C-alpha atoms as a PDB file:
ATOM      1  CA  MET A   1    -123.432-164.602 124.907  1.00  0.00           C
ATOM      2  CA  CYS A   2    -126.987-164.157 123.625  1.00  0.00           C
ATOM      3  CA  ASP A   3    -129.175-161.099 123.954  1.00  0.00           C
ATOM      4  CA  VAL A   4    -131.584-162.319 126.652  1.00  0.00           C
ATOM      5  CA  LYS A   5    -133.863-159.276 126.360  1.00  0.00           C
ATOM      6  CA  LYS A   6    -134.292-159.964 122.635  1.00  0.00           C
ATOM      7  CA  TYR A   7    -135.522-163.504 123.331  1.00  0.00           C
ATOM      8  CA  GLU A   8    -137.756-162.364 126.171  1.00  0.00           C
ATOM      9  CA  ASN A   9    -139.428-160.008 123.697  1.00  0.00           C
ATOM     10  CA  ILE A  10    -139.851-162.844 121.199  1.00  0.00           C
ATOM     11  CA  TYR A  11    -141.354-165.060 123.917  1.00  0.00           C
ATOM     12  CA  ASN A  12    -143.790-162.308 124.898  1.00  0.00           C
ATOM     13  CA  GLU A  13    -144.894-161.934 121.282  1.00  0.00           C
ATOM     14  CA  ILE A  14    -145.333-165.685 120.869  1.00  0.00           C
ATOM     15  CA  GLU A  15    -147.428-165.853 124.058  1.00  0.00           C
ATOM     16  CA  HIS A  16    -150.046-163.632 122.425  1.00  0.00           C
ATOM     17  CA  LEU A  17    -150.484-165.763 119.308  1.00  0.00           C
ATOM     18  CA  GLN A  18    -153.969-167.119 118.711  1.00  0.00           C
ATOM     19  CA  PRO A  19    -154.558-170.683 117.443  1.00  0.00           C
ATOM     20  CA  GLU A  20    -155.387-169.368 113.980  1.00  0.00           C
ATOM     21  CA  ASP A  21    -152.079-167.477 113.970  1.00  0.00           C
ATOM     22  CA  THR A  22    -150.052-170.604 114.658  1.00  0.00           C
ATOM     23  CA  LEU A  23    -152.057-172.479 112.020  1.00  0.00           C
ATOM     24  CA  GLN A  24    -151.210-169.780 109.483  1.00  0.00           C
ATOM     25  CA  LEU A  25    -147.534-170.002 110.432  1.00  0.00           C
ATOM     26  CA  VAL A  26    -147.598-173.783 109.978  1.00  0.00           C
ATOM     27  CA  LEU A  27    -149.363-173.565 106.616  1.00  0.00           C
ATOM     28  CA  GLU A  28    -147.026-170.879 105.287  1.00  0.00           C
ATOM     29  CA  ALA A  29    -143.757-172.306 106.644  1.00  0.00           C
ATOM     30  CA  GLU A  30    -141.075-172.511 103.998  1.00  0.00           C
ATOM     31  CA  THR A  31    -139.260-175.524 105.433  1.00  0.00           C
ATOM     32  CA  GLU A  32    -140.142-178.662 107.345  1.00  0.00           C
ATOM     33  CA  ASP A  33    -138.037-177.412 110.279  1.00  0.00           C
ATOM     34  CA  GLN A  34    -140.029-174.185 110.435  1.00  0.00           C
ATOM     35  CA  ARG A  35    -143.292-176.102 110.199  1.00  0.00           C
ATOM     36  CA  SER A  36    -142.203-178.384 113.035  1.00  0.00           C
ATOM     37  CA  PHE A  37    -141.170-175.401 115.167  1.00  0.00           C
ATOM     38  CA  TYR A  38    -144.503-173.625 114.665  1.00  0.00           C
ATOM     39  CA  GLU A  39    -146.369-176.832 115.465  1.00  0.00           C
ATOM     40  CA  MET A  40    -144.421-177.100 118.729  1.00  0.00           C
ATOM     41  CA  VAL A  41    -145.238-173.473 119.531  1.00  0.00           C
ATOM     42  CA  GLY A  42    -148.924-174.164 118.898  1.00  0.00           C
ATOM     43  CA  ASP A  43    -148.791-177.274 121.085  1.00  0.00           C
ATOM     44  CA  PHE A  44    -147.069-175.321 123.869  1.00  0.00           C
ATOM     45  CA  LEU A  45    -149.719-172.597 123.787  1.00  0.00           C
ATOM     46  CA  LEU A  46    -152.534-175.165 123.756  1.00  0.00           C
ATOM     47  CA  GLN A  47    -151.044-177.004 126.728  1.00  0.00           C
ATOM     48  CA  LYS A  48    -150.677-173.721 128.605  1.00  0.00           C
ATOM     49  CA  SER A  49    -154.349-172.921 127.984  1.00  0.00           C
ATOM     50  CA  GLN A  50    -155.366-176.423 129.053  1.00  0.00           C
ATOM     51  CA  ARG A  51    -153.436-176.076 132.327  1.00  0.00           C
ATOM     52  CA  GLN A  52    -155.188-172.778 133.048  1.00  0.00           C
ATOM     53  CA  VAL A  53    -158.616-174.303 132.416  1.00  0.00           C
ATOM     54  CA  ILE A  54    -157.840-177.237 134.719  1.00  0.00           C
ATOM     55  CA  GLU A  55    -156.454-174.949 137.441  1.00  0.00           C
ATOM     56  CA  ARG A  56    -159.627-172.881 137.370  1.00  0.00           C
ATOM     57  CA  ASN A  57    -161.791-176.024 137.550  1.00  0.00           C
ATOM     58  CA  LEU A  58    -163.486-175.049 134.301  1.00  0.00           C
ATOM     59  CA  PHE A  59    -163.044-178.541 132.914  1.00  0.00           C
END
């Protein structure tokens, strides 16, 4: 069984990443798998921001 609290903490840290942070992670990734993961994280955060903008009718 996994440590759920541990992954909740990781999620909370990831939520606070800025676009330039995810770009740095992508550029400095050691493997293609890491690079792909960080790109997905960046995409997730961008989509979340886009949803918030649309919900607030700021678009």
